[in-house]
PDB file of N, CA and C in Angstrom:
ATOM      1  N   UNK A   1      -9.216   3.456   1.444  1.00  0.00           N
ATOM      2  CA  UNK A   1     -10.410   2.460   1.871  1.00  0.00           C
ATOM      3  C   UNK A   1      -9.982   1.670   2.764  1.00  0.00           C
ATOM      4  N   UNK A   2     -10.514   1.871   4.013  1.00  0.00           N
ATOM      5  CA  UNK A   2     -10.479   0.584   5.073  1.00  0.00           C
ATOM      6  C   UNK A   2     -11.708  -0.654   4.927  1.00  0.00           C
ATOM      7  N   UNK A   3     -11.690  -1.702   4.694  1.00  0.00           N
ATOM      8  CA  UNK A   3     -12.808  -2.596   4.585  1.00  0.00           C
ATOM      9  C   UNK A   3     -12.915  -3.797   5.607  1.00  0.00           C
ATOM     10  N   UNK A   4     -13.782  -3.990   6.423  1.00  0.00           N
ATOM     11  CA  UNK A   4     -13.223  -4.930   7.957  1.00  0.00           C
ATOM     12  C   UNK A   4     -14.200  -6.082   7.465  1.00  0.00           C
ATOM     13  N   UNK A   5     -14.805  -6.236   5.851  1.00  0.00           N
ATOM     14  CA  UNK A   5     -15.075  -8.041   5.634  1.00  0.00           C
ATOM     15  C   UNK A   5     -14.226  -7.922   4.255  1.00  0.00           C
ATOM     16  N   UNK A   6     -13.535  -7.443   4.040  1.00  0.00           N
ATOM     17  CA  UNK A   6     -12.404  -7.836   2.852  1.00  0.00           C
ATOM     18  C   UNK A   6     -11.448  -7.263   2.939  1.00  0.00           C
ATOM     19  N   UNK A   7     -10.785  -7.190   1.702  1.00  0.00           N
ATOM     20  CA  UNK A   7      -9.379  -6.576   1.229  1.00  0.00           C
ATOM     21  C   UNK A   7      -9.592  -5.083   1.529  1.00  0.00           C
ATOM     22  N   UNK A   8      -8.416  -4.090   1.475  1.00  0.00           N
ATOM     23  CA  UNK A   8      -8.106  -2.260   1.898  1.00  0.00           C
ATOM     24  C   UNK A   8      -7.676  -1.615   0.414  1.00  0.00           C
ATOM     25  N   UNK A   9      -7.899  -0.836   0.608  1.00  0.00           N
ATOM     26  CA  UNK A   9      -6.758  -0.208  -0.639  1.00  0.00           C
ATOM     27  C   UNK A   9      -6.658   1.351  -0.538  1.00  0.00           C
ATOM     28  N   UNK A  10      -5.336   1.478  -0.668  1.00  0.00           N
ATOM     29  CA  UNK A  10      -4.475   2.399  -0.415  1.00  0.00           C
ATOM     30  C   UNK A  10      -4.506   3.222  -1.764  1.00  0.00           C
ATOM     31  N   UNK A  11      -4.327   4.572  -2.233  1.00  0.00           N
ATOM     32  CA  UNK A  11      -3.748   5.177  -3.270  1.00  0.00           C
ATOM     33  C   UNK A  11      -3.438   6.055  -2.880  1.00  0.00           C
ATOM     34  N   UNK A  12      -1.902   6.064  -3.422  1.00  0.00           N
ATOM     35  CA  UNK A  12      -0.968   7.174  -2.956  1.00  0.00           C
ATOM     36  C   UNK A  12      -0.938   8.329  -4.092  1.00  0.00           C
ATOM     37  N   UNK A  13      -1.025   9.467  -4.114  1.00  0.00           N
ATOM     38  CA  UNK A  13      -0.726  10.520  -5.649  1.00  0.00           C
ATOM     39  C   UNK A  13       0.694  10.928  -5.086  1.00  0.00           C
ATOM     40  N   UNK A  14       1.276  10.805  -6.430  1.00  0.00           N
ATOM     41  CA  UNK A  14       2.766  11.579  -6.322  1.00  0.00           C
ATOM     42  C   UNK A  14       3.631  12.697  -7.223  1.00  0.00           C
ATOM     43  N   UNK A  15       4.336  13.368  -6.661  1.00  0.00           N
ATOM     44  CA  UNK A  15       4.947  13.919  -7.684  1.00  0.00           C
ATOM     45  C   UNK A  15       6.107  13.609  -8.001  1.00  0.00           C
ATOM     46  N   UNK A  16       6.986  14.016  -8.239  1.00  0.00           N
ATOM     47  CA  UNK A  16       8.650  14.117  -8.480  1.00  0.00           C
ATOM     48  C   UNK A  16       9.796  14.524  -9.356  1.00  0.00           C
ATOM     49  N   UNK A  17      10.549  14.017  -9.859  1.00  0.00           N
ATOM     50  CA  UNK A  17      11.551  14.380 -10.835  1.00  0.00           C
ATOM     51  C   UNK A  17      12.258  13.284 -10.941  1.00  0.00           C
ATOM     52  N   UNK A  18      13.059  13.286 -12.216  1.00  0.00           N
ATOM     53  CA  UNK A  18      14.112  11.924 -12.379  1.00  0.00           C
ATOM     54  C   UNK A  18      15.351  12.496 -13.052  1.00  0.00           C
ATOM     55  N   UNK A  19      16.440  12.146 -12.479  1.00  0.00           N
ATOM     56  CA  UNK A  19      17.761  13.101 -12.497  1.00  0.00           C
ATOM     57  C   UNK A  19      18.461  11.720 -12.991  1.00  0.00           C
ATOM     58  N   UNK A  20      19.009  11.396 -14.383  1.00  0.00           N
ATOM     59  CA  UNK A  20      20.336  10.107 -14.191  1.00  0.00           C
ATOM     60  C   UNK A  20      21.057  10.979 -15.874  1.00  0.00           C
ATOM     61  N   UNK A  21      21.669   9.755 -16.106  1.00  0.00           N
ATOM     62  CA  UNK A  21      22.809   9.743 -16.781  1.00  0.00           C
ATOM     63  C   UNK A  21      21.923   9.246 -18.138  1.00  0.00           C
ATOM     64  N   UNK A  22      20.620   9.046 -18.306  1.00  0.00           N
ATOM     65  CA  UNK A  22      19.653   8.593 -19.459  1.00  0.00           C
ATOM     66  C   UNK A  22      18.661   9.105 -19.736  1.00  0.00           C
ATOM     67  N   UNK A  23      18.265  10.003 -18.893  1.00  0.00           N
ATOM     68  CA  UNK A  23      16.977  10.828 -19.133  1.00  0.00           C
ATOM     69  C   UNK A  23      16.655  11.379 -17.830  1.00  0.00           C
ATOM     70  N   UNK A  24      16.232  12.351 -18.241  1.00  0.00           N
ATOM     71  CA  UNK A  24      15.752  13.823 -16.613  1.00  0.00           C
ATOM     72  C   UNK A  24      14.834  14.524 -16.764  1.00  0.00           C
ATOM     73  N   UNK A  25      14.183  15.018 -16.025  1.00  0.00           N
ATOM     74  CA  UNK A  25      12.713  15.789 -16.247  1.00  0.00           C
ATOM     75  C   UNK A  25      11.524  15.339 -15.279  1.00  0.00           C
ATOM     76  N   UNK A  26      10.537  15.422 -15.171  1.00  0.00           N
ATOM     77  CA  UNK A  26       8.912  15.713 -14.279  1.00  0.00           C
ATOM     78  C   UNK A  26       8.586  14.466 -14.489  1.00  0.00           C
ATOM     79  N   UNK A  27       7.636  13.907 -13.402  1.00  0.00           N
ATOM     80  CA  UNK A  27       6.780  13.254 -13.572  1.00  0.00           C
ATOM     81  C   UNK A  27       5.377  13.531 -13.429  1.00  0.00           C
ATOM     82  N   UNK A  28       4.785  13.072 -14.423  1.00  0.00           N
ATOM     83  CA  UNK A  28       3.472  14.405 -14.852  1.00  0.00           C
ATOM     84  C   UNK A  28       2.497  13.912 -13.467  1.00  0.00           C
ATOM     85  N   UNK A  29       1.341  14.586 -13.864  1.00  0.00           N
ATOM     86  CA  UNK A  29       0.064  14.644 -12.899  1.00  0.00           C
ATOM     87  C   UNK A  29      -0.254  13.382 -13.130  1.00  0.00           C
ATOM     88  N   UNK A  30      -1.149  12.452 -12.176  1.00  0.00           N
ATOM     89  CA  UNK A  30      -1.730  11.393 -12.049  1.00  0.00           C
ATOM     90  C   UNK A  30      -1.005  10.491 -11.765  1.00  0.00           C
ATOM     91  N   UNK A  31       0.224  10.375 -11.127  1.00  0.00           N
ATOM     92  CA  UNK A  31       0.693   9.141 -10.501  1.00  0.00           C
ATOM     93  C   UNK A  31       0.577   9.127  -9.383  1.00  0.00           C
ATOM     94  N   UNK A  32       0.139   7.349  -9.222  1.00  0.00           N
ATOM     95  CA  UNK A  32      -0.647   6.814  -8.312  1.00  0.00           C
ATOM     96  C   UNK A  32       0.276   5.475  -7.980  1.00  0.00           C
ATOM     97  N   UNK A  33       0.408   5.113  -6.512  1.00  0.00           N
ATOM     98  CA  UNK A  33       0.683   3.906  -6.645  1.00  0.00           C
ATOM     99  C   UNK A  33      -0.846   3.396  -5.793  1.00  0.00           C
ATOM    100  N   UNK A  34      -0.941   2.189  -6.205  1.00  0.00           N
ATOM    101  CA  UNK A  34      -2.294   1.738  -5.054  1.00  0.00           C
ATOM    102  C   UNK A  34      -1.412   0.287  -4.670  1.00  0.00           C
ATOM    103  N   UNK A  35      -2.296   0.413  -3.282  1.00  0.00           N
ATOM    104  CA  UNK A  35      -1.623  -0.876  -2.907  1.00  0.00           C
ATOM    105  C   UNK A  35      -2.959  -1.540  -2.423  1.00  0.00           C
ATOM    106  N   UNK A  36      -2.662  -2.693  -2.670  1.00  0.00           N
ATOM    107  CA  UNK A  36      -4.290  -3.559  -1.749  1.00  0.00           C
ATOM    108  C   UNK A  36      -3.670  -4.577  -0.614  1.00  0.00           C
ATOM    109  N   UNK A  37      -4.279  -4.840   0.075  1.00  0.00           N
ATOM    110  CA  UNK A  37      -3.890  -5.082   1.505  1.00  0.00           C
ATOM    111  C   UNK A  37      -5.396  -6.275   2.166  1.00  0.00           C
ATOM    112  N   UNK A  38      -4.597  -7.740   2.300  1.00  0.00           N
ATOM    113  CA  UNK A  38      -5.722  -8.412   2.329  1.00  0.00           C
ATOM    114  C   UNK A  38      -5.938  -8.140   3.824  1.00  0.00           C
ATOM    115  N   UNK A  39      -7.339  -8.673   4.139  1.00  0.00           N
ATOM    116  CA  UNK A  39      -8.243  -8.680   5.470  1.00  0.00           C
ATOM    117  C   UNK A  39      -7.566  -8.995   6.656  1.00  0.00           C
ATOM    118  N   UNK A  40      -6.820  -9.839   5.972  1.00  0.00           N
ATOM    119  CA  UNK A  40      -5.477 -10.755   7.404  1.00  0.00           C
ATOM    120  C   UNK A  40      -4.376 -10.393   7.486  1.00  0.00           C
ATOM    121  N   UNK A  41      -4.270  -9.324   6.733  1.00  0.00           N
ATOM    122  CA  UNK A  41      -2.694  -9.094   6.224  1.00  0.00           C
ATOM    123  C   UNK A  41      -1.858 -10.087   5.767  1.00  0.00           C
ATOM    124  N   UNK A  42      -2.345 -11.258   5.250  1.00  0.00           N
ATOM    125  CA  UNK A  42      -1.958 -12.423   4.828  1.00  0.00           C
ATOM    126  C   UNK A  42      -1.267 -12.536   2.882  1.00  0.00           C
ATOM    127  N   UNK A  43      -1.892 -11.085   2.505  1.00  0.00           N
ATOM    128  CA  UNK A  43      -1.503 -10.426   1.211  1.00  0.00           C
ATOM    129  C   UNK A  43      -1.590  -9.157   1.098  1.00  0.00           C
ATOM    130  N   UNK A  44      -0.429  -8.613   0.208  1.00  0.00           N
ATOM    131  CA  UNK A  44      -0.352  -7.364   0.088  1.00  0.00           C
ATOM    132  C   UNK A  44       0.212  -6.882  -1.115  1.00  0.00           C
ATOM    133  N   UNK A  45       0.031  -6.628  -2.497  1.00  0.00           N
ATOM    134  CA  UNK A  45       0.043  -6.169  -3.638  1.00  0.00           C
ATOM    135  C   UNK A  45       0.414  -4.606  -3.995  1.00  0.00           C
ATOM    136  N   UNK A  46       0.875  -4.379  -4.959  1.00  0.00           N
ATOM    137  CA  UNK A  46       1.448  -2.617  -5.239  1.00  0.00           C
ATOM    138  C   UNK A  46       0.962  -2.721  -6.876  1.00  0.00           C
ATOM    139  N   UNK A  47       0.887  -1.498  -7.113  1.00  0.00           N
ATOM    140  CA  UNK A  47       0.450  -1.267  -8.786  1.00  0.00           C
ATOM    141  C   UNK A  47       1.460  -0.005  -8.732  1.00  0.00           C
ATOM    142  N   UNK A  48       2.096   0.469  -8.979  1.00  0.00           N
ATOM    143  CA  UNK A  48       2.161   2.505  -9.261  1.00  0.00           C
ATOM    144  C   UNK A  48       2.204   2.259 -10.890  1.00  0.00           C
ATOM    145  N   UNK A  49       1.760   3.673 -11.668  1.00  0.00           N
ATOM    146  CA  UNK A  49       1.532   3.948 -12.863  1.00  0.00           C
ATOM    147  C   UNK A  49       1.886   5.482 -12.912  1.00  0.00           C
ATOM    148  N   UNK A  50       2.740   5.653 -13.721  1.00  0.00           N
ATOM    149  CA  UNK A  50       2.889   7.175 -13.799  1.00  0.00           C
ATOM    150  C   UNK A  50       3.394   7.503 -15.273  1.00  0.00           C
ATOM    151  N   UNK A  51       3.035   8.311 -15.734  1.00  0.00           N
ATOM    152  CA  UNK A  51       4.414   8.931 -16.550  1.00  0.00           C
ATOM    153  C   UNK A  51       5.439  10.333 -16.245  1.00  0.00           C
ATOM    154  N   UNK A  52       6.508  10.367 -17.138  1.00  0.00           N
ATOM    155  CA  UNK A  52       7.676  11.087 -17.023  1.00  0.00           C
ATOM    156  C   UNK A  52       7.712  11.758 -18.557  1.00  0.00           C
ATOM    157  N   UNK A  53       7.799  13.040 -18.494  1.00  0.00           N
ATOM    158  CA  UNK A  53       8.081  13.967 -19.756  1.00  0.00           C
ATOM    159  C   UNK A  53       9.564  14.749 -19.809  1.00  0.00           C
ATOM    160  N   UNK A  54      10.580  14.117 -20.229  1.00  0.00           N
ATOM    161  CA  UNK A  54      11.478  15.340 -20.155  1.00  0.00           C
ATOM    162  C   UNK A  54      12.238  14.590 -21.768  1.00  0.00           C
ATOM    163  N   UNK A  55      13.900  14.984 -21.645  1.00  0.00           N
ATOM    164  CA  UNK A  55      14.600  14.857 -22.599  1.00  0.00           C
ATOM    165  C   UNK A  55      15.367  13.609 -22.535  1.00  0.00           C
ATOM    166  N   UNK A  56      15.644  12.790 -23.374  1.00  0.00           N
ATOM    167  CA  UNK A  56      16.786  11.673 -23.102  1.00  0.00           C
ATOM    168  C   UNK A  56      18.294  11.975 -23.211  1.00  0.00           C
ATOM    169  N   UNK A  57      19.010  11.106 -23.434  1.00  0.00           N
ATOM    170  CA  UNK A  57      20.739  11.426 -23.289  1.00  0.00           C
ATOM    171  C   UNK A  57      20.847  12.003 -24.545  1.00  0.00           C
ATOM    172  N   UNK A  58      20.100  11.919 -25.994  1.00  0.00           N
ATOM    173  CA  UNK A  58      20.351  12.374 -27.088  1.00  0.00           C
ATOM    174  C   UNK A  58      19.966  13.970 -27.235  1.00  0.00           C
ATOM    175  N   UNK A  59      19.315  14.153 -26.055  1.00  0.00           N
ATOM    176  CA  UNK A  59      18.776  15.655 -26.107  1.00  0.00           C
ATOM    177  C   UNK A  59      17.342  15.899 -26.998  1.00  0.00           C
ATOM    178  N   UNK A  60      16.820  14.947 -27.149  1.00  0.00           N
ATOM    179  CA  UNK A  60      15.628  14.482 -27.730  1.00  0.00           C
ATOM    180  C   UNK A  60      14.412  14.488 -27.006  1.00  0.00           C
ATOM    181  N   UNK A  61      13.391  15.408 -27.144  1.00  0.00           N
ATOM    182  CA  UNK A  61      11.956  15.109 -26.133  1.00  0.00           C
ATOM    183  C   UNK A  61      11.590  13.914 -26.261  1.00  0.00           C
ATOM    184  N   UNK A  62      10.899  13.615 -24.904  1.00  0.00           N
ATOM    185  CA  UNK A  62      10.261  12.228 -25.468  1.00  0.00           C
ATOM    186  C   UNK A  62       9.640  12.249 -23.720  1.00  0.00           C
ATOM    187  N   UNK A  63       8.729  10.727 -23.486  1.00  0.00           N
ATOM    188  CA  UNK A  63       7.878  10.210 -22.448  1.00  0.00           C
ATOM    189  C   UNK A  63       8.340   9.084 -21.994  1.00  0.00           C
ATOM    190  N   UNK A  64       8.093   8.438 -20.741  1.00  0.00           N
ATOM    191  CA  UNK A  64       7.976   7.074 -20.715  1.00  0.00           C
ATOM    192  C   UNK A  64       6.530   6.718 -19.760  1.00  0.00           C
ATOM    193  N   UNK A  65       6.193   5.608 -19.649  1.00  0.00           N
ATOM    194  CA  UNK A  65       5.243   5.054 -19.122  1.00  0.00           C
ATOM    195  C   UNK A  65       6.121   4.334 -18.062  1.00  0.00           C
ATOM    196  N   UNK A  66       5.704   3.983 -17.077  1.00  0.00           N
ATOM    197  CA  UNK A  66       6.154   2.939 -16.239  1.00  0.00           C
ATOM    198  C   UNK A  66       4.998   2.765 -15.428  1.00  0.00           C
ATOM    199  N   UNK A  67       4.824   1.132 -15.561  1.00  0.00           N
ATOM    200  CA  UNK A  67       3.839   0.551 -14.867  1.00  0.00           C
ATOM    201  C   UNK A  67       4.518  -0.721 -14.071  1.00  0.00           C
ATOM    202  N   UNK A  68       4.623  -0.147 -12.582  1.00  0.00           N
ATOM    203  CA  UNK A  68       5.299  -1.276 -11.485  1.00  0.00           C
ATOM    204  C   UNK A  68       4.353  -2.115 -10.952  1.00  0.00           C
ATOM    205  N   UNK A  69       4.350  -3.445 -11.141  1.00  0.00           N
ATOM    206  CA  UNK A  69       3.726  -4.343 -10.187  1.00  0.00           C
ATOM    207  C   UNK A  69       4.058  -5.061  -9.154  1.00  0.00           C
ATOM    208  N   UNK A  70       3.649  -5.580  -8.078  1.00  0.00           N
ATOM    209  CA  UNK A  70       4.469  -6.734  -7.215  1.00  0.00           C
ATOM    210  C   UNK A  70       3.608  -7.255  -6.197  1.00  0.00           C
ATOM    211  N   UNK A  71       4.267  -7.581  -5.376  1.00  0.00           N
ATOM    212  CA  UNK A  71       3.974  -8.501  -4.184  1.00  0.00           C
ATOM    213  C   UNK A  71       4.730  -8.335  -3.104  1.00  0.00           C
ATOM    214  N   UNK A  72       4.129  -8.484  -1.774  1.00  0.00           N
ATOM    215  CA  UNK A  72       4.690  -8.854  -0.708  1.00  0.00           C
ATOM    216  C   UNK A  72       5.676 -10.346  -0.708  1.00  0.00           C
ATOM    217  N   UNK A  73       6.871 -10.313  -0.288  1.00  0.00           N
ATOM    218  CA  UNK A  73       7.386 -11.684  -0.271  1.00  0.00           C
ATOM    219  C   UNK A  73       7.818 -12.205   0.798  1.00  0.00           C
ATOM    220  N   UNK A  74       7.492 -12.107   1.908  1.00  0.00           N
ATOM    221  CA  UNK A  74       8.055 -12.892   3.510  1.00  0.00           C
ATOM    222  C   UNK A  74       8.770 -13.715   3.328  1.00  0.00           C
ATOM    223  N   UNK A  75       9.257 -14.534   2.087  1.00  0.00           N
ATOM    224  CA  UNK A  75      10.161 -15.668   2.393  1.00  0.00           C
ATOM    225  C   UNK A  75      11.530 -14.684   1.915  1.00  0.00           C
ATOM    226  N   UNK A  76      11.793 -13.858   1.061  1.00  0.00           N
ATOM    227  CA  UNK A  76      12.832 -13.169   1.141  1.00  0.00           C
ATOM    228  C   UNK A  76      13.361 -12.583   2.189  1.00  0.00           C
ATOM    229  N   UNK A  77      14.807 -12.748   2.354  1.00  0.00           N
ATOM    230  CA  UNK A  77      15.520 -12.172   3.599  1.00  0.00           C
ATOM    231  C   UNK A  77      15.548 -10.615   2.356  1.00  0.00           C
ATOM    232  N   UNK A  78      15.436  -9.516   3.707  1.00  0.00           N
ATOM    233  CA  UNK A  78      15.803  -8.281   3.175  1.00  0.00           C
ATOM    234  C   UNK A  78      15.141  -7.751   2.173  1.00  0.00           C
ATOM    235  N   UNK A  79      14.204  -8.427   1.734  1.00  0.00           N
ATOM    236  CA  UNK A  79      13.483  -7.536   0.485  1.00  0.00           C
ATOM    237  C   UNK A  79      11.720  -7.788   1.013  1.00  0.00           C
ATOM    238  N   UNK A  80      11.310  -6.309   1.225  1.00  0.00           N
ATOM    239  CA  UNK A  80       9.682  -6.160   1.755  1.00  0.00           C
ATOM    240  C   UNK A  80       8.858  -6.261  -0.191  1.00  0.00           C
ATOM    241  N   UNK A  81       9.142  -6.280  -1.212  1.00  0.00           N
ATOM    242  CA  UNK A  81       8.536  -6.754  -2.496  1.00  0.00           C
ATOM    243  C   UNK A  81       9.218  -6.905  -3.342  1.00  0.00           C
ATOM    244  N   UNK A  82       8.621  -7.886  -4.664  1.00  0.00           N
ATOM    245  CA  UNK A  82       9.268  -8.143  -5.599  1.00  0.00           C
ATOM    246  C   UNK A  82       8.321  -7.806  -6.921  1.00  0.00           C
ATOM    247  N   UNK A  83       8.828  -6.884  -7.422  1.00  0.00           N
ATOM    248  CA  UNK A  83       8.393  -5.659  -8.419  1.00  0.00           C
ATOM    249  C   UNK A  83       8.353  -6.415  -9.731  1.00  0.00           C
ATOM    250  N   UNK A  84       8.016  -6.330 -10.914  1.00  0.00           N
ATOM    251  CA  UNK A  84       8.064  -6.423 -12.144  1.00  0.00           C
ATOM    252  C   UNK A  84       7.816  -4.962 -13.134  1.00  0.00           C
ATOM    253  N   UNK A  85       8.555  -4.220 -13.366  1.00  0.00           N
ATOM    254  CA  UNK A  85       8.597  -2.622 -14.229  1.00  0.00           C
ATOM    255  C   UNK A  85       8.059  -3.455 -15.341  1.00  0.00           C
ATOM    256  N   UNK A  86       7.000  -2.423 -16.062  1.00  0.00           N
ATOM    257  CA  UNK A  86       7.353  -2.574 -17.563  1.00  0.00           C
ATOM    258  C   UNK A  86       7.276  -0.709 -17.742  1.00  0.00           C
ATOM    259  N   UNK A  87       8.164  -0.634 -18.987  1.00  0.00           N
ATOM    260  CA  UNK A  87       8.533   0.627 -19.383  1.00  0.00           C
ATOM    261  C   UNK A  87       8.193   0.667 -21.070  1.00  0.00           C
ATOM    262  N   UNK A  88       7.196   2.099 -21.392  1.00  0.00           N
ATOM    263  CA  UNK A  88       6.859   2.097 -22.523  1.00  0.00           C
ATOM    264  C   UNK A  88       7.623   3.857 -23.128  1.00  0.00           C
ATOM    265  N   UNK A  89       8.543   3.468 -23.840  1.00  0.00           N
ATOM    266  CA  UNK A  89       8.796   5.282 -24.247  1.00  0.00           C
ATOM    267  C   UNK A  89       8.578   5.278 -25.704  1.00  0.00           C
ATOM    268  N   UNK A  90       8.706   6.637 -26.079  1.00  0.00           N
ATOM    269  CA  UNK A  90       8.658   6.705 -27.640  1.00  0.00           C
ATOM    270  C   UNK A  90       9.919   7.733 -27.501  1.00  0.00           C
ATOM    271  N   UNK A  91      10.830   7.323 -27.200  1.00  0.00           N
ATOM    272  CA  UNK A  91      12.542   7.624 -27.021  1.00  0.00           C
ATOM    273  C   UNK A  91      13.200   6.357 -28.103  1.00  0.00           C
ATOM    274  N   UNK A  92      13.640   6.561 -28.830  1.00  0.00           N
ATOM    275  CA  UNK A  92      14.460   5.481 -29.721  1.00  0.00           C
ATOM    276  C   UNK A  92      15.963   5.534 -29.141  1.00  0.00           C
ATOM    277  N   UNK A  93      16.806   6.586 -28.332  1.00  0.00           N
ATOM    278  CA  UNK A  93      17.813   5.550 -27.721  1.00  0.00           C
ATOM    279  C   UNK A  93      17.216   5.312 -26.758  1.00  0.00           C
ATOM    280  N   UNK A  94      16.061   5.367 -25.949  1.00  0.00           N
ATOM    281  CA  UNK A  94      15.943   4.662 -24.675  1.00  0.00           C
ATOM    282  C   UNK A  94      15.075   3.373 -24.243  1.00  0.00           C
ATOM    283  N   UNK A  95      15.124   2.460 -26.096  1.00  0.00           N
ATOM    284  CA  UNK A  95      13.988   1.970 -26.436  1.00  0.00           C
ATOM    285  C   UNK A  95      14.511   0.899 -26.093  1.00  0.00           C
ATOM    286  N   UNK A  96      15.987   0.632 -25.921  1.00  0.00           N
ATOM    287  CA  UNK A  96      16.462  -0.792 -25.107  1.00  0.00           C
ATOM    288  C   UNK A  96      16.000  -1.193 -24.062  1.00  0.00           C
TER     289      UNK A  96
END
């Protein structure tokens, strides 16, 4: 949504899968990356929220919820965004 008199919002839906040593499977429907861009380009934030459903490294079925929030940091060299992920899971093996 472009907004000539304030912040603009871009929402990007996505799908995918995860493959790794500790977990593998799919991103569930509804995954969205929301970006808010300041009217004058002076601020830019993101918030991605999504669920994964699959199997942990012990073979147990599980889900992972991931919320990743961040802001653009122009002062940092070689880094566009600094993000802070939050992960919630019902996997005892991945609870660390």
